[in-house]
N, C-alpha and C. Protein backbone atom coordinates (compact mmCIF):
# COMPACT_ATOMS: atom_id res chain seq x y z
N MET A 1 -62.94 78.82 -4.44
CA MET A 1 -61.83 78.84 -3.53
C MET A 1 -62.21 77.99 -2.32
N GLU A 2 -61.28 77.17 -1.88
CA GLU A 2 -61.51 76.25 -0.78
C GLU A 2 -60.66 76.66 0.42
N TYR A 3 -61.32 76.89 1.57
CA TYR A 3 -60.61 77.19 2.81
C TYR A 3 -59.98 75.89 3.31
N LEU A 4 -58.67 75.93 3.61
CA LEU A 4 -57.97 74.73 4.07
C LEU A 4 -57.79 74.71 5.58
N PHE A 5 -57.16 75.76 6.14
CA PHE A 5 -56.90 75.80 7.58
C PHE A 5 -56.44 77.19 7.99
N GLU A 6 -56.30 77.39 9.30
CA GLU A 6 -55.75 78.62 9.84
C GLU A 6 -54.64 78.25 10.81
N HIS A 7 -53.51 78.97 10.74
CA HIS A 7 -52.37 78.72 11.62
C HIS A 7 -51.75 80.06 11.99
N ASN A 8 -51.62 80.34 13.28
CA ASN A 8 -51.03 81.59 13.76
C ASN A 8 -51.66 82.82 13.12
N GLY A 9 -52.96 82.81 12.96
CA GLY A 9 -53.67 83.95 12.39
C GLY A 9 -53.65 84.04 10.88
N CYS A 10 -53.07 83.06 10.22
CA CYS A 10 -53.02 83.04 8.75
C CYS A 10 -54.05 82.04 8.23
N ARG A 11 -54.94 82.51 7.38
CA ARG A 11 -55.91 81.62 6.75
C ARG A 11 -55.37 81.19 5.40
N VAL A 12 -55.42 79.89 5.12
CA VAL A 12 -54.87 79.34 3.89
C VAL A 12 -56.01 78.78 3.05
N TYR A 13 -56.02 79.15 1.76
CA TYR A 13 -57.05 78.74 0.81
C TYR A 13 -56.37 78.09 -0.39
N ARG A 14 -57.17 77.35 -1.19
CA ARG A 14 -56.66 76.73 -2.41
C ARG A 14 -57.72 76.83 -3.49
N PHE A 15 -57.29 77.09 -4.72
CA PHE A 15 -58.17 77.05 -5.88
C PHE A 15 -57.38 76.55 -7.08
N ILE A 16 -58.07 76.24 -8.15
CA ILE A 16 -57.41 75.77 -9.37
C ILE A 16 -57.37 76.91 -10.38
N GLY A 17 -56.18 77.21 -10.88
CA GLY A 17 -55.99 78.24 -11.89
C GLY A 17 -55.15 77.67 -13.02
N ARG A 18 -55.66 77.72 -14.23
CA ARG A 18 -54.96 77.17 -15.41
C ARG A 18 -54.58 75.71 -15.21
N GLY A 19 -55.46 74.96 -14.55
CA GLY A 19 -55.25 73.54 -14.36
C GLY A 19 -54.30 73.17 -13.24
N GLN A 20 -53.81 74.14 -12.49
CA GLN A 20 -52.87 73.88 -11.40
C GLN A 20 -53.45 74.40 -10.09
N PHE A 21 -53.07 73.78 -8.97
CA PHE A 21 -53.47 74.29 -7.67
C PHE A 21 -52.73 75.60 -7.39
N VAL A 22 -53.46 76.57 -6.87
CA VAL A 22 -52.89 77.83 -6.42
C VAL A 22 -53.25 77.96 -4.95
N TYR A 23 -52.27 78.24 -4.12
CA TYR A 23 -52.48 78.39 -2.68
C TYR A 23 -52.41 79.87 -2.33
N PHE A 24 -53.28 80.30 -1.43
CA PHE A 24 -53.45 81.70 -1.11
C PHE A 24 -53.53 81.81 0.40
N ALA A 25 -52.71 82.69 0.99
CA ALA A 25 -52.74 82.88 2.44
C ALA A 25 -52.89 84.36 2.74
N ASN A 26 -53.70 84.67 3.74
CA ASN A 26 -53.87 86.05 4.20
C ASN A 26 -53.37 86.11 5.64
N CYS A 27 -52.25 86.82 5.83
CA CYS A 27 -51.59 86.86 7.14
C CYS A 27 -51.33 88.30 7.57
N LYS A 28 -52.05 88.76 8.55
CA LYS A 28 -51.77 90.05 9.20
C LYS A 28 -51.50 91.16 8.20
N GLY A 29 -52.39 91.37 7.25
CA GLY A 29 -52.26 92.45 6.28
C GLY A 29 -51.38 92.14 5.09
N GLU A 30 -50.82 90.94 5.01
CA GLU A 30 -50.00 90.54 3.87
C GLU A 30 -50.66 89.35 3.18
N THR A 31 -50.79 89.44 1.87
CA THR A 31 -51.40 88.37 1.09
C THR A 31 -50.32 87.65 0.30
N ILE A 32 -50.32 86.34 0.38
CA ILE A 32 -49.32 85.52 -0.30
C ILE A 32 -50.03 84.50 -1.16
N SER A 33 -49.63 84.40 -2.43
CA SER A 33 -50.17 83.35 -3.30
C SER A 33 -49.01 82.52 -3.82
N MET A 34 -49.25 81.23 -3.99
CA MET A 34 -48.19 80.33 -4.45
C MET A 34 -48.79 79.28 -5.36
N SER A 35 -48.18 79.10 -6.51
CA SER A 35 -48.58 78.00 -7.39
C SER A 35 -47.42 77.03 -7.47
N ASP A 36 -47.73 75.78 -7.65
CA ASP A 36 -46.69 74.76 -7.69
C ASP A 36 -46.93 73.91 -8.93
N SER A 37 -46.44 74.39 -10.07
CA SER A 37 -46.65 73.68 -11.33
C SER A 37 -45.31 73.18 -11.86
N THR A 38 -45.28 71.96 -12.31
CA THR A 38 -44.09 71.30 -12.86
C THR A 38 -42.87 71.44 -11.95
N GLY A 39 -43.10 71.42 -10.65
CA GLY A 39 -42.00 71.47 -9.70
C GLY A 39 -41.40 72.84 -9.49
N VAL A 40 -41.91 73.87 -10.16
CA VAL A 40 -41.40 75.23 -9.99
C VAL A 40 -42.37 75.98 -9.11
N ARG A 41 -41.85 76.59 -8.07
CA ARG A 41 -42.71 77.30 -7.13
C ARG A 41 -42.61 78.80 -7.37
N ASN A 42 -43.74 79.43 -7.66
CA ASN A 42 -43.81 80.88 -7.87
C ASN A 42 -44.55 81.48 -6.69
N THR A 43 -43.98 82.50 -6.07
CA THR A 43 -44.60 83.13 -4.91
C THR A 43 -44.76 84.62 -5.16
N THR A 44 -45.93 85.16 -4.79
CA THR A 44 -46.21 86.58 -4.92
C THR A 44 -46.65 87.10 -3.57
N ASN A 45 -45.99 88.15 -3.07
CA ASN A 45 -46.37 88.77 -1.81
C ASN A 45 -46.95 90.15 -2.09
N ILE A 46 -48.10 90.45 -1.48
CA ILE A 46 -48.75 91.75 -1.64
C ILE A 46 -49.04 92.28 -0.25
N LYS A 47 -48.47 93.41 0.10
CA LYS A 47 -48.73 94.00 1.42
C LYS A 47 -49.88 94.99 1.29
N SER A 48 -50.84 94.86 2.20
CA SER A 48 -51.98 95.77 2.22
C SER A 48 -51.58 97.04 2.96
N GLY A 49 -52.17 98.16 2.55
CA GLY A 49 -51.95 99.42 3.24
C GLY A 49 -52.67 99.42 4.57
N ASN A 50 -52.26 100.28 5.48
CA ASN A 50 -52.90 100.39 6.79
C ASN A 50 -54.30 100.95 6.61
N ARG A 51 -55.26 100.33 7.28
CA ARG A 51 -56.65 100.78 7.18
C ARG A 51 -57.16 101.18 8.52
């Protein structure tokens, strides 16, 4: 996994999954992943519980 940048408290990472780039952001207890394959964008949001 490659750290790309941080903006407004969100850290953005990138890795390759199944031959495609997958982008991953961790923002204030919410995790977002996005893949961009063949022009179709799939987004998954996962909210973390309060710790």
